[in-house]
Amino acid sequence: MTRGPRLRTLAAMATIEPMDGLFLYCRPGFEAPCAEEAARWVRTRGGAVDCTARARSGYVLAANRAGTPVPVPGFRDLVFTRHGFRAVARVSGGPVDAAGLVWAARPSPGDGWWVGAPDSDAGRPLWSRAAALARQLGATARARRRRFHAALLGPEEAVVGVGDPRLDGPWPMGIPRLRLPAGAPSRSARKLEEALLVLLDGRERDRYLKPGATAVDLGAAPGGWSWLLARRGVVVTAVDNGPLAPAALDTGLVEPARADGFTFRPPRPVAWLVCDMVAAPARVAKLVGVWLGTGRCARALWNWKLPGRDPLAELGRARAALARELARHWSDAAVRVKHLYHDRAEVTAYAERRGRARKPAPRNRRRRR
């Protein structure tokens, strides 16, 4: 941590301590993989950070210890980070007020603010206070110049920072305000909606989710993902041995297929494979790799269910299994993975196939004499 002079604000008599580092929001319970992933990314770029990761806190504070500017990762570079910013000061020792935040950040006219608190048992009671401070600061969702951040960690503690376009997520604190559409067969529809907003950009959504596109949904029941795709005009084959909800079938674009998701293959290639089956990550990785590598789908979006112990290591094994399967078919794919707000003990991944599928080698046949 870069230490500087401690200043006392006139309004709240709080202490302001300059610092240099990263503040990262994450899901409570995943602070350890979030911290390890961030430290590893910074280390591979020649930097070094000391991470503070309080259990169930919903955030990680990575303080610079390299003496050089800390590298800033991109939003998609870190799987377990929901949202983050560059930390420049810590406010403590007195009630956090708007004057203290302004003194710590030194904004200019036209700068905007995002004020929040972690999504944790300790952080949620601070959300109303964060909203009040945001109103006092005249916070804007989109700053005309820079965006400043304040993360309240307690009534008398906050981390202040400045947004970086590389690390800024699409929503404050990484929490999307998505309402479950009326008639949705299950709440999992919100998970797919968030995944499409986070893992694809607007141009990709417009291009790949056109009416008439085709998709296969493995493990579809009760049909939340199939229903949401059908609302976008996608024709879906919903594969599951369980029944689909009437709302999914009523769209007229969802065709049920009673089959095992691991053995089902479509009669012709489709634009999309989506998969939310409860299975070992490596097994799902192999399945997705076969579909992408052999050209059965052009792109895929799926979930990897992670164990409670060492999810980062399990994720690494799943990604390696996917890469091996793609390489076996002489194909490549751009893979994006994120721990979404609506995910729990899982992460959501998107991949778009690149290259061509491998042609099977001709079999040697004995020449008849």
Protein backbone atom coordinates (compact mmCIF):
# COMPACT_ATOMS: atom_id res chain seq x y z
CA MET A 1 0.00 0.00 0.00
CA THR A 2 1.25 3.44 -0.93
CA ARG A 3 1.11 5.57 2.20
CA GLY A 4 0.94 9.33 2.28
CA PRO A 5 0.00 12.07 4.69
CA ARG A 6 -3.19 11.53 6.66
CA LEU A 7 -5.63 14.43 6.31
CA ARG A 8 -8.62 15.25 8.53
CA THR A 9 -11.83 16.51 6.90
CA LEU A 10 -13.44 19.55 8.47
CA ALA A 11 -16.96 18.16 8.13
CA ALA A 12 -16.67 14.71 9.69
CA MET A 13 -13.18 14.72 11.21
CA ALA A 14 -12.46 11.47 9.37
CA THR A 15 -8.98 10.37 8.37
CA ILE A 16 -8.13 10.21 4.67
CA GLU A 17 -5.24 7.93 3.77
CA PRO A 18 -4.02 7.95 0.15
CA MET A 19 -3.51 4.53 -1.41
CA ASP A 20 -2.96 2.86 -4.76
CA GLY A 21 -4.65 -0.38 -5.65
CA LEU A 22 -7.83 -2.05 -6.87
CA PHE A 23 -11.21 -2.43 -5.21
CA LEU A 24 -13.15 -5.45 -6.49
CA TYR A 25 -16.75 -6.40 -5.77
CA CYS A 26 -17.53 -10.14 -5.74
CA ARG A 27 -20.17 -12.56 -4.51
CA PRO A 28 -19.94 -13.19 -0.74
CA GLY A 29 -18.10 -16.43 -0.14
CA PHE A 30 -15.92 -16.07 -3.25
CA GLU A 31 -13.42 -13.54 -1.88
CA ALA A 32 -10.53 -16.05 -1.93
CA PRO A 33 -10.75 -16.99 -5.64
CA CYS A 34 -11.41 -13.33 -6.51
CA ALA A 35 -8.25 -12.24 -4.65
CA GLU A 36 -6.10 -15.06 -6.01
CA GLU A 37 -7.24 -14.45 -9.57
CA ALA A 38 -6.58 -10.70 -9.34
CA ALA A 39 -3.14 -11.16 -7.74
CA ARG A 40 -2.20 -13.71 -10.39
CA TRP A 41 -3.30 -11.41 -13.23
CA VAL A 42 -1.36 -8.44 -11.83
CA ARG A 43 1.72 -10.61 -11.24
CA THR A 44 1.78 -11.81 -14.86
CA ARG A 45 1.82 -8.13 -15.94
CA GLY A 46 4.84 -7.31 -13.80
CA GLY A 47 3.00 -5.85 -10.80
CA ALA A 48 2.36 -7.03 -7.26
CA VAL A 49 -0.51 -6.51 -4.85
CA ASP A 50 -1.37 -7.49 -1.30
CA CYS A 51 -5.00 -8.61 -1.17
CA THR A 52 -7.34 -8.14 1.78
CA ALA A 53 -10.18 -10.63 1.46
CA ARG A 54 -12.47 -10.78 4.48
CA ALA A 55 -14.66 -13.88 4.45
CA ARG A 56 -18.27 -13.22 3.36
CA SER A 57 -17.50 -9.50 2.92
CA GLY A 58 -18.36 -9.33 -0.80
CA TYR A 59 -15.21 -7.44 -1.78
CA VAL A 60 -11.44 -7.65 -2.19
CA LEU A 61 -9.01 -4.77 -1.68
CA ALA A 62 -5.77 -5.26 -3.60
CA ALA A 63 -3.12 -2.77 -2.44
CA ASN A 64 -0.16 -2.03 -4.68
CA ARG A 65 3.21 -3.11 -3.28
CA ALA A 66 5.34 -2.93 -6.43
CA GLY A 67 6.20 0.78 -6.28
CA THR A 68 5.04 1.19 -9.89
CA PRO A 69 1.50 1.88 -11.11
CA VAL A 70 -0.67 -1.17 -10.60
CA PRO A 71 -1.85 -2.74 -13.89
CA VAL A 72 -5.60 -2.46 -14.40
CA PRO A 73 -7.33 -5.60 -15.70
CA GLY A 74 -10.23 -5.60 -18.07
CA PHE A 75 -13.72 -6.46 -16.87
CA ARG A 76 -13.65 -9.77 -18.75
CA ASP A 77 -10.13 -10.64 -17.58
CA LEU A 78 -11.36 -11.51 -14.08
CA VAL A 79 -14.02 -14.17 -13.71
CA PHE A 80 -14.93 -13.67 -10.04
CA THR A 81 -14.95 -9.83 -10.07
CA ARG A 82 -18.40 -8.35 -10.60
CA HIS A 83 -17.20 -4.78 -10.81
CA GLY A 84 -14.12 -2.82 -9.79
CA PHE A 85 -12.27 0.48 -9.75
CA ARG A 86 -8.85 1.94 -8.98
CA ALA A 87 -8.63 2.72 -5.27
CA VAL A 88 -6.98 6.06 -4.44
CA ALA A 89 -7.90 6.69 -0.79
CA ARG A 90 -9.38 5.18 2.33
CA VAL A 91 -11.69 7.23 4.57
CA SER A 92 -11.96 6.07 8.18
CA GLY A 93 -12.17 7.15 11.81
CA GLY A 94 -15.30 9.29 11.47
CA PRO A 95 -18.74 9.29 9.84
CA VAL A 96 -18.43 9.07 6.07
CA ASP A 97 -20.05 12.12 4.48
CA ALA A 98 -20.15 13.76 1.05
CA ALA A 99 -17.55 16.36 2.02
CA GLY A 100 -15.06 13.67 3.01
CA LEU A 101 -15.59 11.75 -0.23
CA VAL A 102 -15.08 14.89 -2.31
CA TRP A 103 -11.96 15.76 -0.35
CA ALA A 104 -10.56 12.28 -0.93
CA ALA A 105 -11.38 12.15 -4.67
CA ARG A 106 -10.87 15.79 -5.71
CA PRO A 107 -13.35 15.62 -8.63
CA SER A 108 -13.77 18.28 -11.27
CA PRO A 109 -17.01 19.81 -12.57
CA GLY A 110 -18.72 17.31 -14.85
CA ASP A 111 -17.35 14.23 -13.09
CA GLY A 112 -19.86 11.62 -11.94
CA TRP A 113 -20.14 9.30 -8.95
CA TRP A 114 -21.17 5.74 -8.23
CA VAL A 115 -21.66 5.19 -4.49
CA GLY A 116 -22.41 1.73 -3.18
CA ALA A 117 -21.63 -0.97 -0.66
CA PRO A 118 -20.88 -4.69 -0.98
CA ASP A 119 -23.68 -7.19 -1.51
CA SER A 120 -23.15 -8.83 1.88
CA ASP A 121 -24.84 -9.11 5.26
CA ALA A 122 -22.69 -6.23 6.51
CA GLY A 123 -22.95 -4.18 3.32
CA ARG A 124 -26.66 -4.25 2.50
CA PRO A 125 -27.69 -2.14 5.53
CA LEU A 126 -25.42 0.58 4.07
CA TRP A 127 -27.22 0.75 0.72
CA SER A 128 -29.68 3.41 1.86
CA ARG A 129 -26.81 5.52 3.16
CA ALA A 130 -24.99 5.04 -0.15
CA ALA A 131 -28.08 6.19 -2.05
CA ALA A 132 -28.35 9.30 0.14
CA LEU A 133 -24.69 10.15 -0.46
CA ALA A 134 -25.16 9.64 -4.19
CA ARG A 135 -27.98 12.19 -4.18
CA GLN A 136 -25.88 14.67 -2.23
CA LEU A 137 -23.00 14.28 -4.67
CA GLY A 138 -25.27 14.71 -7.66
CA ALA A 139 -24.19 11.31 -8.90
CA THR A 140 -24.89 10.55 -12.52
CA ALA A 141 -25.11 7.13 -14.15
CA ARG A 142 -22.88 8.34 -16.97
CA ALA A 143 -20.23 10.87 -16.18
CA ARG A 144 -19.42 13.44 -18.80
CA ARG A 145 -15.76 13.22 -17.84
CA ARG A 146 -14.52 10.86 -15.16
CA ARG A 147 -16.47 8.54 -12.90
CA PHE A 148 -15.53 8.40 -9.23
CA HIS A 149 -16.48 5.55 -6.91
CA ALA A 150 -17.09 5.24 -3.19
CA ALA A 151 -17.56 1.84 -1.56
CA LEU A 152 -18.97 2.05 1.97
CA LEU A 153 -17.55 -0.66 4.20
CA GLY A 154 -19.10 0.66 7.41
CA PRO A 155 -20.61 3.85 8.88
CA GLU A 156 -17.08 5.18 9.40
CA GLU A 157 -15.14 3.49 6.61
CA ALA A 158 -15.08 3.82 2.82
CA VAL A 159 -12.74 3.26 -0.10
CA VAL A 160 -12.70 5.98 -2.75
CA GLY A 161 -11.46 5.51 -6.27
CA VAL A 162 -11.69 6.46 -9.90
CA GLY A 163 -13.30 4.40 -12.61
CA ASP A 164 -11.28 2.88 -15.41
CA PRO A 165 -13.02 1.98 -18.71
CA ARG A 166 -11.15 -1.33 -18.74
CA LEU A 167 -12.47 -2.45 -15.36
CA ASP A 168 -15.82 -0.69 -15.12
CA GLY A 169 -18.72 -3.13 -15.24
CA PRO A 170 -22.09 -2.31 -16.79
CA TRP A 171 -23.85 -1.84 -13.40
CA PRO A 172 -22.90 -0.23 -10.07
CA MET A 173 -21.52 -2.85 -7.68
CA GLY A 174 -22.05 -5.42 -10.45
CA ILE A 175 -25.74 -5.77 -9.58
CA PRO A 176 -28.13 -5.67 -12.56
CA ARG A 177 -31.65 -4.49 -11.89
CA LEU A 178 -33.34 -7.13 -14.04
CA ARG A 179 -36.98 -7.92 -13.42
CA LEU A 180 -38.25 -11.41 -14.09
CA PRO A 181 -40.52 -11.05 -17.13
CA ALA A 182 -44.13 -11.93 -16.55
CA GLY A 183 -44.87 -15.51 -17.56
CA ALA A 184 -41.28 -16.77 -17.28
CA PRO A 185 -41.25 -20.53 -16.52
CA SER A 186 -38.39 -20.12 -14.02
CA ARG A 187 -36.10 -17.55 -12.46
CA SER A 188 -33.21 -18.95 -14.49
CA ALA A 189 -34.42 -16.75 -17.35
CA ARG A 190 -32.81 -13.79 -15.57
CA LYS A 191 -29.50 -15.65 -15.50
CA LEU A 192 -29.52 -16.07 -19.27
CA GLU A 193 -30.62 -12.45 -19.76
CA GLU A 194 -27.71 -11.22 -17.63
CA ALA A 195 -25.30 -13.52 -19.45
CA LEU A 196 -26.34 -12.11 -22.82
CA LEU A 197 -25.85 -8.56 -21.53
CA VAL A 198 -22.46 -9.24 -19.89
CA LEU A 199 -20.78 -11.77 -22.18
CA LEU A 200 -21.92 -10.31 -25.51
CA ASP A 201 -21.83 -6.72 -26.69
CA GLY A 202 -24.76 -4.99 -28.36
CA ARG A 203 -23.56 -5.67 -31.88
CA GLU A 204 -23.14 -9.38 -31.16
CA ARG A 205 -26.61 -9.64 -29.64
CA ASP A 206 -28.17 -7.92 -32.67
CA ARG A 207 -26.23 -10.11 -35.08
CA TYR A 208 -26.52 -13.51 -33.41
CA LEU A 209 -29.99 -13.38 -31.85
CA LYS A 210 -32.02 -12.56 -34.93
CA PRO A 211 -35.51 -13.99 -35.36
CA GLY A 212 -35.27 -17.32 -37.12
CA ALA A 213 -31.92 -18.30 -35.60
CA THR A 214 -31.78 -21.88 -34.34
CA ALA A 215 -30.71 -23.17 -30.93
CA VAL A 216 -30.50 -26.35 -28.87
CA ASP A 217 -31.12 -26.07 -25.12
CA LEU A 218 -29.62 -29.00 -23.21
CA GLY A 219 -31.15 -29.64 -19.79
CA ALA A 220 -33.99 -27.32 -20.72
CA ALA A 221 -36.71 -28.15 -18.18
CA PRO A 222 -38.73 -26.32 -17.05
CA GLY A 223 -37.84 -24.10 -20.01
CA GLY A 224 -36.66 -20.70 -18.70
CA TRP A 225 -33.75 -20.41 -21.13
CA SER A 226 -35.75 -21.77 -24.10
CA TRP A 227 -38.58 -19.34 -23.31
CA LEU A 228 -36.26 -16.32 -23.21
CA LEU A 229 -34.61 -17.27 -26.51
CA ALA A 230 -38.02 -17.79 -28.09
CA ARG A 231 -39.05 -14.30 -26.98
CA ARG A 232 -36.21 -13.05 -29.17
CA GLY A 233 -37.52 -15.04 -32.13
CA VAL A 234 -35.05 -17.94 -31.85
CA VAL A 235 -36.33 -21.43 -32.81
CA VAL A 236 -35.33 -23.76 -29.96
CA THR A 237 -35.07 -27.52 -29.59
CA ALA A 238 -35.48 -28.05 -25.83
CA VAL A 239 -33.75 -31.28 -24.79
CA ASP A 240 -34.67 -32.84 -21.43
CA ASN A 241 -36.28 -35.96 -20.05
CA GLY A 242 -38.38 -33.73 -17.79
CA PRO A 243 -41.49 -31.78 -18.86
CA LEU A 244 -41.44 -28.20 -20.08
CA ALA A 245 -43.65 -25.50 -18.61
CA PRO A 246 -46.69 -24.54 -20.74
CA ALA A 247 -45.34 -20.98 -21.07
CA ALA A 248 -42.33 -22.28 -23.03
CA LEU A 249 -44.45 -24.42 -25.35
CA ASP A 250 -46.99 -21.63 -25.88
CA THR A 251 -44.36 -19.50 -27.63
CA GLY A 252 -44.74 -21.70 -30.71
CA LEU A 253 -40.97 -21.65 -31.21
CA VAL A 254 -39.92 -24.29 -28.66
CA GLU A 255 -39.91 -27.92 -29.74
CA PRO A 256 -39.43 -30.43 -26.90
CA ALA A 257 -37.13 -33.43 -27.35
CA ARG A 258 -37.17 -36.16 -24.71
CA ALA A 259 -33.52 -37.23 -24.72
CA ASP A 260 -30.28 -37.30 -22.74
CA GLY A 261 -28.48 -33.99 -23.13
CA PHE A 262 -25.08 -35.71 -23.31
CA THR A 263 -26.03 -37.98 -26.22
CA PHE A 264 -28.44 -35.79 -28.21
CA ARG A 265 -27.15 -34.48 -31.53
CA PRO A 266 -29.14 -32.24 -33.91
CA PRO A 267 -29.84 -33.42 -37.46
CA ARG A 268 -28.16 -30.28 -38.79
CA PRO A 269 -25.88 -27.56 -37.32
CA VAL A 270 -27.48 -24.82 -35.23
CA ALA A 271 -26.49 -21.25 -34.43
CA TRP A 272 -26.61 -21.69 -30.65
CA LEU A 273 -26.00 -24.32 -28.02
CA VAL A 274 -27.12 -23.38 -24.50
CA CYS A 275 -26.63 -25.71 -21.58
CA ASP A 276 -27.52 -25.54 -17.89
CA MET A 277 -27.09 -29.17 -16.81
CA VAL A 278 -25.98 -30.25 -13.35
CA ALA A 279 -22.81 -32.19 -14.11
CA ALA A 280 -19.08 -32.14 -13.47
CA PRO A 281 -17.44 -29.10 -15.14
CA ALA A 282 -14.94 -31.25 -17.07
CA ARG A 283 -17.76 -33.38 -18.49
CA VAL A 284 -19.71 -30.32 -19.62
CA ALA A 285 -16.49 -28.85 -21.07
CA LYS A 286 -15.94 -31.95 -23.18
CA LEU A 287 -19.53 -31.86 -24.42
CA VAL A 288 -19.35 -28.18 -25.41
CA GLY A 289 -15.95 -28.78 -27.04
CA VAL A 290 -17.41 -31.55 -29.21
CA TRP A 291 -20.30 -29.36 -30.34
CA LEU A 292 -18.09 -26.38 -31.14
CA GLY A 293 -15.16 -28.35 -32.53
CA THR A 294 -17.21 -30.47 -34.92
CA GLY A 295 -19.28 -27.56 -36.14
CA ARG A 296 -22.61 -28.68 -34.64
CA CYS A 297 -23.03 -25.13 -33.32
CA ALA A 298 -21.45 -21.78 -34.10
CA ARG A 299 -21.52 -20.48 -30.53
CA ALA A 300 -22.35 -21.80 -27.10
CA LEU A 301 -23.41 -20.42 -23.73
CA TRP A 302 -23.36 -22.69 -20.69
CA ASN A 303 -22.85 -23.01 -16.94
CA TRP A 304 -20.05 -24.74 -15.06
CA LYS A 305 -21.13 -25.87 -11.58
CA LEU A 306 -18.19 -25.30 -9.22
CA PRO A 307 -17.43 -27.12 -5.96
CA GLY A 308 -17.23 -25.32 -2.64
CA ARG A 309 -13.51 -25.99 -2.29
CA ASP A 310 -11.05 -24.26 -4.62
CA PRO A 311 -13.43 -23.12 -7.38
CA LEU A 312 -10.58 -21.35 -9.18
CA ALA A 313 -8.65 -24.60 -9.59
CA GLU A 314 -11.78 -26.43 -10.77
CA LEU A 315 -12.44 -23.68 -13.29
CA GLY A 316 -8.88 -24.02 -14.56
CA ARG A 317 -9.37 -27.77 -15.09
CA ALA A 318 -12.64 -27.18 -16.94
CA ARG A 319 -11.08 -24.60 -19.24
CA ALA A 320 -8.19 -26.96 -19.95
CA ALA A 321 -10.62 -29.77 -20.80
CA LEU A 322 -12.46 -27.48 -23.20
CA ALA A 323 -9.20 -26.43 -24.86
CA ARG A 324 -8.10 -30.06 -25.27
CA GLU A 325 -11.38 -31.03 -26.90
CA LEU A 326 -11.25 -28.08 -29.28
CA ALA A 327 -7.65 -28.86 -30.19
CA ARG A 328 -8.56 -32.49 -30.87
CA HIS A 329 -10.98 -31.29 -33.52
CA TRP A 330 -8.54 -28.71 -34.92
CA SER A 331 -10.80 -25.87 -33.96
CA ASP A 332 -10.41 -22.74 -31.86
CA ALA A 333 -12.84 -20.64 -29.87
CA ALA A 334 -12.88 -17.28 -28.11
CA VAL A 335 -14.04 -18.09 -24.56
CA ARG A 336 -15.45 -15.60 -22.03
CA VAL A 337 -16.29 -16.65 -18.48
CA LYS A 338 -17.95 -14.65 -15.71
CA HIS A 339 -19.38 -15.23 -12.25
CA LEU A 340 -22.67 -13.41 -12.77
CA TYR A 341 -24.82 -11.79 -10.12
CA HIS A 342 -27.54 -14.40 -10.72
CA ASP A 343 -25.01 -17.24 -10.55
CA ARG A 344 -24.45 -19.01 -7.27
CA ALA A 345 -21.91 -21.84 -7.05
CA GLU A 346 -21.35 -21.72 -10.79
CA VAL A 347 -19.93 -19.55 -13.54
CA THR A 348 -21.37 -18.81 -16.96
CA ALA A 349 -19.30 -19.12 -20.13
CA TYR A 350 -19.69 -18.07 -23.76
CA ALA A 351 -17.64 -19.30 -26.69
CA GLU A 352 -17.72 -18.55 -30.39
CA ARG A 353 -16.17 -21.11 -32.73
CA ARG A 354 -13.28 -20.06 -34.90
CA GLY A 355 -11.46 -22.02 -37.54
CA ARG A 356 -12.72 -25.19 -39.14
CA ALA A 357 -13.64 -28.57 -37.80
CA ARG A 358 -11.15 -31.34 -38.35
CA LYS A 359 -12.00 -33.76 -41.14
CA PRO A 360 -11.79 -37.37 -40.02
CA ALA A 361 -8.77 -39.19 -41.40
CA PRO A 362 -9.58 -41.82 -44.03
CA ARG A 363 -9.49 -45.36 -42.77
CA ASN A 364 -6.94 -47.76 -44.18
CA ARG A 365 -8.62 -50.49 -46.12
CA ARG A 366 -7.02 -53.74 -47.06
CA ARG A 367 -6.60 -54.17 -50.73
CA ARG A 368 -8.34 -57.25 -51.99
CA ARG A 369 -6.15 -59.63 -53.91
